[in-house]
Each structure stands twice: as structure tokens, then as C-alpha cells.
PDB file of N, CA and C in Angstrom:
ATOM      1  N   MET A   1     156.957  97.051  39.554  1.00  0.00           N
ATOM      2  CA  MET A   1     155.765  97.514  39.069  1.00  0.00           C
ATOM      3  C   MET A   1     155.010  98.404  40.247  1.00  0.00           C
ATOM      4  N   GLU A   2     154.511  99.511  39.906  1.00  0.00           N
ATOM      5  CA  GLU A   2     153.660 100.336  40.918  1.00  0.00           C
ATOM      6  C   GLU A   2     152.206  99.919  41.035  1.00  0.00           C
ATOM      7  N   CYS A   3     151.744  99.703  42.201  1.00  0.00           N
ATOM      8  CA  CYS A   3     150.418  99.319  42.455  1.00  0.00           C
ATOM      9  C   CYS A   3     149.381 100.414  41.936  1.00  0.00           C
ATOM     10  N   PRO A   4     148.456 100.130  41.105  1.00  0.00           N
ATOM     11  CA  PRO A   4     147.485 101.104  40.683  1.00  0.00           C
ATOM     12  C   PRO A   4     146.485 101.421  41.622  1.00  0.00           C
ATOM     13  N   MET A   5     146.407 100.820  42.810  1.00  0.00           N
ATOM     14  CA  MET A   5     145.466 101.020  43.876  1.00  0.00           C
ATOM     15  C   MET A   5     145.954 101.993  44.899  1.00  0.00           C
ATOM     16  N   CYS A   6     147.213 101.837  45.256  1.00  0.00           N
ATOM     17  CA  CYS A   6     147.831 102.776  46.263  1.00  0.00           C
ATOM     18  C   CYS A   6     149.097 103.415  45.922  1.00  0.00           C
ATOM     19  N   ASN A   7     149.686 103.064  44.851  1.00  0.00           N
ATOM     20  CA  ASN A   7     150.975 103.508  44.360  1.00  0.00           C
ATOM     21  C   ASN A   7     152.105 102.853  45.125  1.00  0.00           C
ATOM     22  N   GLY A   8     151.854 101.792  45.815  1.00  0.00           N
ATOM     23  CA  GLY A   8     152.863 101.039  46.545  1.00  0.00           C
ATOM     24  C   GLY A   8     153.686 100.218  45.478  1.00  0.00           C
ATOM     25  N   LYS A   9     154.628  99.474  46.042  1.00  0.00           N
ATOM     26  CA  LYS A   9     155.463  98.652  45.130  1.00  0.00           C
ATOM     27  C   LYS A   9     154.992  97.208  45.228  1.00  0.00           C
ATOM     28  N   THR A  10     154.960  96.613  44.018  1.00  0.00           N
ATOM     29  CA  THR A  10     154.568  95.189  43.997  1.00  0.00           C
ATOM     30  C   THR A  10     155.848  94.302  43.813  1.00  0.00           C
ATOM     31  N   GLU A  11     155.581  93.077  44.250  1.00  0.00           N
ATOM     32  CA  GLU A  11     156.585  92.033  44.138  1.00  0.00           C
ATOM     33  C   GLU A  11     156.008  90.701  43.569  1.00  0.00           C
ATOM     34  N   ARG A  12     156.715  89.977  42.733  1.00  0.00           N
ATOM     35  CA  ARG A  12     156.127  88.837  42.087  1.00  0.00           C
ATOM     36  C   ARG A  12     156.212  87.670  43.199  1.00  0.00           C
ATOM     37  N   LYS A  13     154.958  87.039  43.397  1.00  0.00           N
ATOM     38  CA  LYS A  13     154.855  85.975  44.244  1.00  0.00           C
ATOM     39  C   LYS A  13     153.951  84.831  43.733  1.00  0.00           C
ATOM     40  N   LYS A  14     153.898  83.742  44.404  1.00  0.00           N
ATOM     41  CA  LYS A  14     152.842  82.632  43.923  1.00  0.00           C
ATOM     42  C   LYS A  14     151.676  82.859  44.804  1.00  0.00           C
ATOM     43  N   LYS A  15     150.514  82.908  44.290  1.00  0.00           N
ATOM     44  CA  LYS A  15     149.308  82.974  45.166  1.00  0.00           C
ATOM     45  C   LYS A  15     148.275  82.012  44.688  1.00  0.00           C
ATOM     46  N   LEU A  16     147.474  81.648  45.673  1.00  0.00           N
ATOM     47  CA  LEU A  16     146.387  80.670  45.457  1.00  0.00           C
ATOM     48  C   LEU A  16     145.220  81.404  44.735  1.00  0.00           C
ATOM     49  N   TYR A  17     144.609  80.801  43.738  1.00  0.00           N
ATOM     50  CA  TYR A  17     143.429  81.364  43.111  1.00  0.00           C
ATOM     51  C   TYR A  17     142.284  80.424  43.257  1.00  0.00           C
ATOM     52  N   THR A  18     141.118  81.051  43.776  1.00  0.00           N
ATOM     53  CA  THR A  18     139.951  80.340  44.056  1.00  0.00           C
ATOM     54  C   THR A  18     138.833  80.759  43.115  1.00  0.00           C
ATOM     55  N   TYR A  19     138.098  79.987  42.512  1.00  0.00           N
ATOM     56  CA  TYR A  19     136.977  80.433  41.615  1.00  0.00           C
ATOM     57  C   TYR A  19     135.720  79.638  42.027  1.00  0.00           C
ATOM     58  N   SER A  20     134.601  80.385  42.191  1.00  0.00           N
ATOM     59  CA  SER A  20     133.382  79.829  42.742  1.00  0.00           C
ATOM     60  C   SER A  20     133.604  78.876  43.882  1.00  0.00           C
ATOM     61  N   GLY A  21     134.518  79.124  44.843  1.00  0.00           N
ATOM     62  CA  GLY A  21     134.871  78.274  45.945  1.00  0.00           C
ATOM     63  C   GLY A  21     135.697  77.111  45.655  1.00  0.00           C
ATOM     64  N   VAL A  22     136.148  77.010  44.456  1.00  0.00           N
ATOM     65  CA  VAL A  22     137.025  75.850  44.059  1.00  0.00           C
ATOM     66  C   VAL A  22     138.471  76.314  43.946  1.00  0.00           C
ATOM     67  N   LYS A  23     139.398  75.641  44.540  1.00  0.00           N
ATOM     68  CA  LYS A  23     140.909  76.143  44.506  1.00  0.00           C
ATOM     69  C   LYS A  23     141.346  75.581  43.181  1.00  0.00           C
ATOM     70  N   LEU A  24     141.850  76.536  42.331  1.00  0.00           N
ATOM     71  CA  LEU A  24     142.374  76.197  41.039  1.00  0.00           C
ATOM     72  C   LEU A  24     143.852  75.979  41.072  1.00  0.00           C
ATOM     73  N   GLY A  25     144.484  76.405  41.995  1.00  0.00           N
ATOM     74  CA  GLY A  25     145.932  76.183  42.020  1.00  0.00           C
ATOM     75  C   GLY A  25     146.764  77.526  42.424  1.00  0.00           C
ATOM     76  N   VAL A  26     147.990  77.384  42.391  1.00  0.00           N
ATOM     77  CA  VAL A  26     148.901  78.541  42.656  1.00  0.00           C
ATOM     78  C   VAL A  26     149.504  79.137  41.474  1.00  0.00           C
ATOM     79  N   PHE A  27     149.445  80.409  41.342  1.00  0.00           N
ATOM     80  CA  PHE A  27     149.784  81.102  40.112  1.00  0.00           C
ATOM     81  C   PHE A  27     150.636  82.417  40.366  1.00  0.00           C
ATOM     82  N   ASP A  28     151.499  82.764  39.372  1.00  0.00           N
ATOM     83  CA  ASP A  28     152.326  83.922  39.477  1.00  0.00           C
ATOM     84  C   ASP A  28     151.309  85.192  39.623  1.00  0.00           C
ATOM     85  N   ALA A  29     151.705  86.085  40.516  1.00  0.00           N
ATOM     86  CA  ALA A  29     150.930  87.300  40.756  1.00  0.00           C
ATOM     87  C   ALA A  29     151.906  88.442  41.144  1.00  0.00           C
ATOM     88  N   ASP A  30     151.502  89.659  40.904  1.00  0.00           N
ATOM     89  CA  ASP A  30     152.175  90.791  41.518  1.00  0.00           C
ATOM     90  C   ASP A  30     151.366  91.268  42.783  1.00  0.00           C
ATOM     91  N   VAL A  31     152.082  91.295  43.916  1.00  0.00           N
ATOM     92  CA  VAL A  31     151.265  91.521  45.110  1.00  0.00           C
ATOM     93  C   VAL A  31     151.897  92.930  45.774  1.00  0.00           C
ATOM     94  N   CYS A  32     150.948  93.724  46.108  1.00  0.00           N
ATOM     95  CA  CYS A  32     151.391  95.041  46.586  1.00  0.00           C
ATOM     96  C   CYS A  32     151.845  94.895  48.006  1.00  0.00           C
ATOM     97  N   SER A  33     152.981  95.374  48.378  1.00  0.00           N
ATOM     98  CA  SER A  33     153.541  95.195  49.758  1.00  0.00           C
ATOM     99  C   SER A  33     152.889  96.243  50.748  1.00  0.00           C
ATOM    100  N   LYS A  34     152.291  97.244  50.144  1.00  0.00           N
ATOM    101  CA  LYS A  34     151.514  98.313  50.999  1.00  0.00           C
ATOM    102  C   LYS A  34     150.176  97.890  51.189  1.00  0.00           C
ATOM    103  N   CYS A  35     149.368  97.617  50.190  1.00  0.00           N
ATOM    104  CA  CYS A  35     147.878  97.348  50.393  1.00  0.00           C
ATOM    105  C   CYS A  35     147.519  95.823  50.366  1.00  0.00           C
ATOM    106  N   GLY A  36     148.406  95.128  49.720  1.00  0.00           N
ATOM    107  CA  GLY A  36     148.095  93.711  49.702  1.00  0.00           C
ATOM    108  C   GLY A  36     147.251  93.288  48.548  1.00  0.00           C
ATOM    109  N   GLU A  37     146.962  94.244  47.627  1.00  0.00           N
ATOM    110  CA  GLU A  37     146.239  93.827  46.410  1.00  0.00           C
ATOM    111  C   GLU A  37     147.066  92.875  45.583  1.00  0.00           C
ATOM    112  N   VAL A  38     146.276  91.948  44.971  1.00  0.00           N
ATOM    113  CA  VAL A  38     146.913  90.870  44.189  1.00  0.00           C
ATOM    114  C   VAL A  38     146.461  91.080  42.650  1.00  0.00           C
ATOM    115  N   PHE A  39     147.485  91.047  41.778  1.00  0.00           N
ATOM    116  CA  PHE A  39     147.312  91.084  40.365  1.00  0.00           C
ATOM    117  C   PHE A  39     147.979  89.979  39.638  1.00  0.00           C
ATOM    118  N   PHE A  40     147.147  89.063  39.178  1.00  0.00           N
ATOM    119  CA  PHE A  40     147.640  87.900  38.475  1.00  0.00           C
ATOM    120  C   PHE A  40     148.235  88.360  37.128  1.00  0.00           C
ATOM    121  N   THR A  41     149.347  87.688  36.733  1.00  0.00           N
ATOM    122  CA  THR A  41     149.911  88.043  35.479  1.00  0.00           C
ATOM    123  C   THR A  41     149.039  87.608  34.260  1.00  0.00           C
ATOM    124  N   GLU A  42     149.328  88.107  33.120  1.00  0.00           N
ATOM    125  CA  GLU A  42     148.501  87.715  32.001  1.00  0.00           C
ATOM    126  C   GLU A  42     148.708  86.211  31.668  1.00  0.00           C
ATOM    127  N   SER A  43     149.856  85.630  31.801  1.00  0.00           N
ATOM    128  CA  SER A  43     149.984  84.204  31.570  1.00  0.00           C
ATOM    129  C   SER A  43     149.214  83.437  32.638  1.00  0.00           C
ATOM    130  N   ALA A  44     149.295  83.865  33.866  1.00  0.00           N
ATOM    131  CA  ALA A  44     148.542  83.201  34.919  1.00  0.00           C
ATOM    132  C   ALA A  44     147.055  83.278  34.703  1.00  0.00           C
ATOM    133  N   SER A  45     146.609  84.423  34.236  1.00  0.00           N
ATOM    134  CA  SER A  45     145.124  84.563  34.003  1.00  0.00           C
ATOM    135  C   SER A  45     144.684  83.484  32.854  1.00  0.00           C
ATOM    136  N   ASP A  46     145.521  83.409  31.863  1.00  0.00           N
ATOM    137  CA  ASP A  46     145.219  82.436  30.866  1.00  0.00           C
ATOM    138  C   ASP A  46     145.206  80.961  31.514  1.00  0.00           C
ATOM    139  N   GLU A  47     146.119  80.645  32.345  1.00  0.00           N
ATOM    140  CA  GLU A  47     146.145  79.273  32.985  1.00  0.00           C
ATOM    141  C   GLU A  47     144.981  79.142  33.881  1.00  0.00           C
ATOM    142  N   ILE A  48     144.635  80.227  34.490  1.00  0.00           N
ATOM    143  CA  ILE A  48     143.424  80.082  35.386  1.00  0.00           C
ATOM    144  C   ILE A  48     142.081  79.781  34.593  1.00  0.00           C
ATOM    145  N   ASP A  49     141.964  80.534  33.552  1.00  0.00           N
ATOM    146  CA  ASP A  49     140.763  80.389  32.574  1.00  0.00           C
ATOM    147  C   ASP A  49     140.783  78.926  32.135  1.00  0.00           C
ATOM    148  N   ALA A  50     141.909  78.398  31.647  1.00  0.00           N
ATOM    149  CA  ALA A  50     142.053  77.071  31.149  1.00  0.00           C
ATOM    150  C   ALA A  50     141.683  75.934  32.137  1.00  0.00           C
ATOM    151  N   LYS A  51     142.202  76.309  33.398  1.00  0.00           N
ATOM    152  CA  LYS A  51     141.909  75.284  34.417  1.00  0.00           C
ATOM    153  C   LYS A  51     140.473  75.270  34.876  1.00  0.00           C
ATOM    154  N   ALA A  52     139.848  76.426  34.878  1.00  0.00           N
ATOM    155  CA  ALA A  52     138.346  76.560  35.274  1.00  0.00           C
ATOM    156  C   ALA A  52     137.535  75.789  34.159  1.00  0.00           C
ATOM    157  N   LYS A  53     137.913  76.033  32.958  1.00  0.00           N
ATOM    158  CA  LYS A  53     137.341  75.362  31.781  1.00  0.00           C
ATOM    159  C   LYS A  53     137.405  73.950  31.732  1.00  0.00           C
ATOM    160  N   GLU A  54     138.577  73.496  32.109  1.00  0.00           N
ATOM    161  CA  GLU A  54     138.991  71.996  32.212  1.00  0.00           C
ATOM    162  C   GLU A  54     138.186  71.347  33.336  1.00  0.00           C
ATOM    163  N   MET A  55     137.840  72.108  34.359  1.00  0.00           N
ATOM    164  CA  MET A  55     137.184  71.523  35.515  1.00  0.00           C
ATOM    165  C   MET A  55     135.676  71.687  35.398  1.00  0.00           C
ATOM    166  N   GLY A  56     135.170  72.368  34.249  1.00  0.00           N
ATOM    167  CA  GLY A  56     133.815  72.495  34.043  1.00  0.00           C
ATOM    168  C   GLY A  56     133.067  73.584  34.888  1.00  0.00           C
ATOM    169  N   ILE A  57     133.842  74.491  35.517  1.00  0.00           N
ATOM    170  CA  ILE A  57     133.209  75.494  36.420  1.00  0.00           C
ATOM    171  C   ILE A  57     133.289  76.938  35.730  1.00  0.00           C
ATOM    172  N   TRP A  58     133.876  77.054  34.521  1.00  0.00           N
ATOM    173  CA  TRP A  58     133.891  78.300  33.745  1.00  0.00           C
ATOM    174  C   TRP A  58     132.442  78.818  33.511  1.00  0.00           C
ATOM    175  N   GLY A  59     132.160  80.025  33.772  1.00  0.00           N
ATOM    176  CA  GLY A  59     130.928  80.665  33.469  1.00  0.00           C
ATOM    177  C   GLY A  59     129.728  80.089  34.307  1.00  0.00           C
ATOM    178  N   PHE A  60     130.099  79.632  35.594  1.00  0.00           N
ATOM    179  CA  PHE A  60     129.048  79.104  36.369  1.00  0.00           C
ATOM    180  C   PHE A  60     127.924  80.113  36.728  1.00  0.00           C
ATOM    181  N   GLU A  61     128.311  81.337  36.753  1.00  0.00           N
ATOM    182  CA  GLU A  61     127.299  82.264  37.246  1.00  0.00           C
ATOM    183  C   GLU A  61     126.069  82.303  36.229  1.00  0.00           C
ATOM    184  N   LYS A  62     124.929  82.050  36.590  1.00  0.00           N
ATOM    185  CA  LYS A  62     123.750  82.018  35.864  1.00  0.00           C
ATOM    186  C   LYS A  62     122.630  82.829  36.379  1.00  0.00           C
ATOM    187  N   LYS A  63     121.783  83.360  35.572  1.00  0.00           N
ATOM    188  CA  LYS A  63     120.525  84.151  36.003  1.00  0.00           C
ATOM    189  C   LYS A  63     119.537  83.169  36.220  1.00  0.00           C
ATOM    190  N   SER A  64     118.635  83.451  37.145  1.00  0.00           N
ATOM    191  CA  SER A  64     117.352  82.734  37.450  1.00  0.00           C
ATOM    192  C   SER A  64     116.377  83.701  37.997  1.00  0.00           C
ATOM    193  N   LYS A  65     115.089  83.303  37.887  1.00  0.00           N
ATOM    194  CA  LYS A  65     114.058  84.108  38.306  1.00  0.00           C
ATOM    195  C   LYS A  65     113.426  83.622  39.644  1.00  0.00           C
ATOM    196  N   ILE A  66     112.837  84.543  40.397  1.00  0.00           N
ATOM    197  CA  ILE A  66     112.078  84.085  41.600  1.00  0.00           C
ATOM    198  C   ILE A  66     110.703  83.964  41.153  1.00  0.00           C
ATOM    199  N   THR A  67     110.070  82.706  41.573  1.00  0.00           N
ATOM    200  CA  THR A  67     108.621  82.361  41.203  1.00  0.00           C
ATOM    201  C   THR A  67     107.932  82.143  42.452  1.00  0.00           C
ATOM    202  N   TYR A  68     106.581  81.853  42.274  1.00  0.00           N
ATOM    203  CA  TYR A  68     105.811  81.470  43.510  1.00  0.00           C
ATOM    204  C   TYR A  68     105.539  80.137  43.551  1.00  0.00           C
ATOM    205  N   SER A  69     105.186  79.460  44.693  1.00  0.00           N
ATOM    206  CA  SER A  69     104.593  78.215  44.773  1.00  0.00           C
ATOM    207  C   SER A  69     103.871  78.222  46.187  1.00  0.00           C
ATOM    208  N   GLY A  70     102.535  78.291  46.035  1.00  0.00           N
ATOM    209  CA  GLY A  70     101.649  78.571  47.167  1.00  0.00           C
ATOM    210  C   GLY A  70     101.964  79.865  47.903  1.00  0.00           C
ATOM    211  N   ASN A  71     102.388  79.933  49.141  1.00  0.00           N
ATOM    212  CA  ASN A  71     102.652  81.202  49.916  1.00  0.00           C
ATOM    213  C   ASN A  71     104.111  81.538  49.819  1.00  0.00           C
ATOM    214  N   SER A  72     105.005  80.664  49.186  1.00  0.00           N
ATOM    215  CA  SER A  72     106.396  80.773  49.265  1.00  0.00           C
ATOM    216  C   SER A  72     106.938  81.275  47.923  1.00  0.00           C
ATOM    217  N   LEU A  73     108.073  81.867  48.004  1.00  0.00           N
ATOM    218  CA  LEU A  73     108.930  82.271  46.883  1.00  0.00           C
ATOM    219  C   LEU A  73     109.852  81.079  46.593  1.00  0.00           C
ATOM    220  N   MET A  74     110.164  80.904  45.267  1.00  0.00           N
ATOM    221  CA  MET A  74     111.070  79.758  44.921  1.00  0.00           C
ATOM    222  C   MET A  74     112.142  80.287  44.004  1.00  0.00           C
ATOM    223  N   VAL A  75     113.345  79.830  44.146  1.00  0.00           N
ATOM    224  CA  VAL A  75     114.444  80.141  43.209  1.00  0.00           C
ATOM    225  C   VAL A  75     114.832  78.833  42.560  1.00  0.00           C
ATOM    226  N   ARG A  76     114.950  78.769  41.279  1.00  0.00           N
ATOM    227  CA  ARG A  76     115.358  77.658  40.491  1.00  0.00           C
ATOM    228  C   ARG A  76     116.926  77.722  40.409  1.00  0.00           C
ATOM    229  N   ILE A  77     117.503  76.455  40.585  1.00  0.00           N
ATOM    230  CA  ILE A  77     118.894  76.307  40.444  1.00  0.00           C
ATOM    231  C   ILE A  77     119.274  75.849  39.127  1.00  0.00           C
ATOM    232  N   PRO A  78     120.011  76.470  38.246  1.00  0.00           N
ATOM    233  CA  PRO A  78     120.434  75.973  36.898  1.00  0.00           C
ATOM    234  C   PRO A  78     120.959  74.481  37.051  1.00  0.00           C
ATOM    235  N   ASN A  79     120.708  73.662  36.011  1.00  0.00           N
ATOM    236  CA  ASN A  79     121.108  72.291  35.927  1.00  0.00           C
ATOM    237  C   ASN A  79     122.596  72.106  36.116  1.00  0.00           C
ATOM    238  N   ALA A  80     123.483  72.940  35.416  1.00  0.00           N
ATOM    239  CA  ALA A  80     124.876  72.856  35.543  1.00  0.00           C
ATOM    240  C   ALA A  80     125.387  73.029  37.063  1.00  0.00           C
ATOM    241  N   ILE A  81     124.788  73.952  37.704  1.00  0.00           N
ATOM    242  CA  ILE A  81     125.214  74.146  39.185  1.00  0.00           C
ATOM    243  C   ILE A  81     124.609  73.140  40.070  1.00  0.00           C
ATOM    244  N   SER A  82     123.455  72.537  39.790  1.00  0.00           N
ATOM    245  CA  SER A  82     122.978  71.429  40.670  1.00  0.00           C
ATOM    246  C   SER A  82     123.753  70.144  40.348  1.00  0.00           C
ATOM    247  N   LYS A  83     124.241  69.980  39.164  1.00  0.00           N
ATOM    248  CA  LYS A  83     125.130  68.745  38.823  1.00  0.00           C
ATOM    249  C   LYS A  83     126.461  68.881  39.529  1.00  0.00           C
ATOM    250  N   PHE A  84     127.127  70.084  39.561  1.00  0.00           N
ATOM    251  CA  PHE A  84     128.396  70.278  40.208  1.00  0.00           C
ATOM    252  C   PHE A  84     128.288  70.031  41.637  1.00  0.00           C
ATOM    253  N   LEU A  85     127.144  70.447  42.309  1.00  0.00           N
ATOM    254  CA  LEU A  85     126.941  70.346  43.753  1.00  0.00           C
ATOM    255  C   LEU A  85     126.357  69.006  44.135  1.00  0.00           C
ATOM    256  N   SER A  86     126.047  68.126  43.121  1.00  0.00           N
ATOM    257  CA  SER A  86     125.407  66.919  43.401  1.00  0.00           C
ATOM    258  C   SER A  86     124.083  67.109  44.242  1.00  0.00           C
ATOM    259  N   LEU A  87     123.148  68.149  43.796  1.00  0.00           N
ATOM    260  CA  LEU A  87     122.017  68.339  44.484  1.00  0.00           C
ATOM    261  C   LEU A  87     120.886  67.377  43.990  1.00  0.00           C
ATOM    262  N   LYS A  88     120.080  66.971  44.940  1.00  0.00           N
ATOM    263  CA  LYS A  88     119.047  66.079  44.556  1.00  0.00           C
ATOM    264  C   LYS A  88     117.749  66.601  45.297  1.00  0.00           C
ATOM    265  N   LYS A  89     116.613  66.362  44.744  1.00  0.00           N
ATOM    266  CA  LYS A  89     115.366  66.587  45.314  1.00  0.00           C
ATOM    267  C   LYS A  89     115.248  66.130  46.767  1.00  0.00           C
ATOM    268  N   GLY A  90     114.894  66.972  47.704  1.00  0.00           N
ATOM    269  CA  GLY A  90     114.665  66.601  49.071  1.00  0.00           C
ATOM    270  C   GLY A  90     115.902  66.751  49.939  1.00  0.00           C
ATOM    271  N   ARG A  91     117.003  67.179  49.295  1.00  0.00           N
ATOM    272  CA  ARG A  91     118.201  67.416  50.113  1.00  0.00           C
ATOM    273  C   ARG A  91     118.099  68.694  50.886  1.00  0.00           C
ATOM    274  N   GLU A  92     118.528  68.588  52.190  1.00  0.00           N
ATOM    275  CA  GLU A  92     118.363  69.836  53.058  1.00  0.00           C
ATOM    276  C   GLU A  92     119.437  70.904  52.864  1.00  0.00           C
ATOM    277  N   ILE A  93     118.895  72.126  52.922  1.00  0.00           N
ATOM    278  CA  ILE A  93     119.927  73.304  52.849  1.00  0.00           C
ATOM    279  C   ILE A  93     119.484  74.280  53.904  1.00  0.00           C
ATOM    280  N   THR A  94     120.420  75.148  54.037  1.00  0.00           N
ATOM    281  CA  THR A  94     120.251  76.385  54.968  1.00  0.00           C
ATOM    282  C   THR A  94     120.348  77.591  54.215  1.00  0.00           C
ATOM    283  N   ILE A  95     119.495  78.577  54.375  1.00  0.00           N
ATOM    284  CA  ILE A  95     119.464  79.771  53.514  1.00  0.00           C
ATOM    285  C   ILE A  95     119.519  80.925  54.586  1.00  0.00           C
ATOM    286  N   ARG A  96     120.366  81.869  54.239  1.00  0.00           N
ATOM    287  CA  ARG A  96     120.566  83.067  55.294  1.00  0.00           C
ATOM    288  C   ARG A  96     120.850  84.294  54.316  1.00  0.00           C
ATOM    289  N   PRO A  97     120.345  85.465  54.734  1.00  0.00           N
ATOM    290  CA  PRO A  97     120.700  86.678  54.083  1.00  0.00           C
ATOM    291  C   PRO A  97     122.109  87.038  54.536  1.00  0.00           C
ATOM    292  N   GLU A  98     122.768  87.653  53.649  1.00  0.00           N
ATOM    293  CA  GLU A  98     124.067  88.275  54.003  1.00  0.00           C
ATOM    294  C   GLU A  98     124.072  89.771  53.439  1.00  0.00           C
ATOM    295  N   GLY A  99     123.507  90.657  54.194  1.00  0.00           N
ATOM    296  CA  GLY A  99     123.083  91.974  53.805  1.00  0.00           C
ATOM    297  C   GLY A  99     121.805  92.070  53.016  1.00  0.00           C
ATOM    298  N   LYS A 100     121.554  93.083  52.377  1.00  0.00           N
ATOM    299  CA  LYS A 100     120.199  93.323  51.660  1.00  0.00           C
ATOM    300  C   LYS A 100     120.354  92.696  50.285  1.00  0.00           C
ATOM    301  N   LYS A 101     121.413  92.400  49.739  1.00  0.00           N
ATOM    302  CA  LYS A 101     121.473  91.967  48.394  1.00  0.00           C
ATOM    303  C   LYS A 101     122.222  90.722  48.105  1.00  0.00           C
ATOM    304  N   LYS A 102     122.340  89.871  49.104  1.00  0.00           N
ATOM    305  CA  LYS A 102     122.968  88.631  48.895  1.00  0.00           C
ATOM    306  C   LYS A 102     122.337  87.515  49.795  1.00  0.00           C
ATOM    307  N   ILE A 103     122.161  86.329  49.213  1.00  0.00           N
ATOM    308  CA  ILE A 103     121.524  85.209  49.962  1.00  0.00           C
ATOM    309  C   ILE A 103     122.728  84.187  49.932  1.00  0.00           C
ATOM    310  N   VAL A 104     123.011  83.514  51.006  1.00  0.00           N
ATOM    311  CA  VAL A 104     123.915  82.317  51.092  1.00  0.00           C
ATOM    312  C   VAL A 104     123.176  81.097  51.254  1.00  0.00           C
ATOM    313  N   VAL A 105     123.392  80.047  50.473  1.00  0.00           N
ATOM    314  CA  VAL A 105     122.824  78.783  50.608  1.00  0.00           C
ATOM    315  C   VAL A 105     123.869  77.819  50.937  1.00  0.00           C
ATOM    316  N   GLU A 106     123.622  77.041  51.989  1.00  0.00           N
ATOM    317  CA  GLU A 106     124.728  75.969  52.442  1.00  0.00           C
ATOM    318  C   GLU A 106     123.869  74.763  52.320  1.00  0.00           C
ATOM    319  N   ILE A 107     124.678  73.719  51.811  1.00  0.00           N
ATOM    320  CA  ILE A 107     124.230  72.444  51.600  1.00  0.00           C
ATOM    321  C   ILE A 107     124.491  71.661  52.871  1.00  0.00           C
ATOM    322  N   SER A 108     123.426  70.981  53.447  1.00  0.00           N
ATOM    323  CA  SER A 108     123.690  70.171  54.898  1.00  0.00           C
ATOM    324  C   SER A 108     124.258  68.830  54.498  1.00  0.00           C
TER     325      SER A 108
END
């Protein structure tokens, strides 16, 4: 198969797939020998979706709004995400910007 990104040649390999920071497993993919782009096969994509759903992490991306509390801004963490991360009131976190459009939150 020809790579749609650079027109290089791809070869079938086993590649690790990570979703929302969780390793889901190793799956069949076509990997470009020139640019390194990875294209998971259709059957691998179906397996990946099934594994993410089985683990309860499918569709974790949620929208939330920024609110005020006193002089601070607050971001609410959706319940499904807080349960997955085992977050509890009072738990310490570290927040840092990563560019102008991304915030990274690390749990201590």
C-alpha cells in the first residue's frame, strides 16, 4: 500500500495503541517506512473500539464550562472521568499550560 501522507511504501506490523493514556494492546497496522505514519487496519480499528468500550473509556472526551468561585476560575470534571481517575475532594493536582490552547492536569 502507498502512504497517503508521503507516497512512501507501507508494511504490515503490530503496533501499540493508546487511548486517553491507556494502553489498549497491540494491533495490526500499516506503517510507512518513509514517514513512519501508522494506519490501523479496519479490523484492528473494530478491535480497538471494542476494547475501549469494554474498559469503559470509550467516549471519555466531555465538554465542561469554566465557572467562577470567588476570585478564581473553576473547571468541573465530569463524573465518568473523576471515577476513572479515582479523584476525591481534597486530592492535590498540578496544573500547567501547554501552549495557549491546552492545559495539563497531573494528579499527585
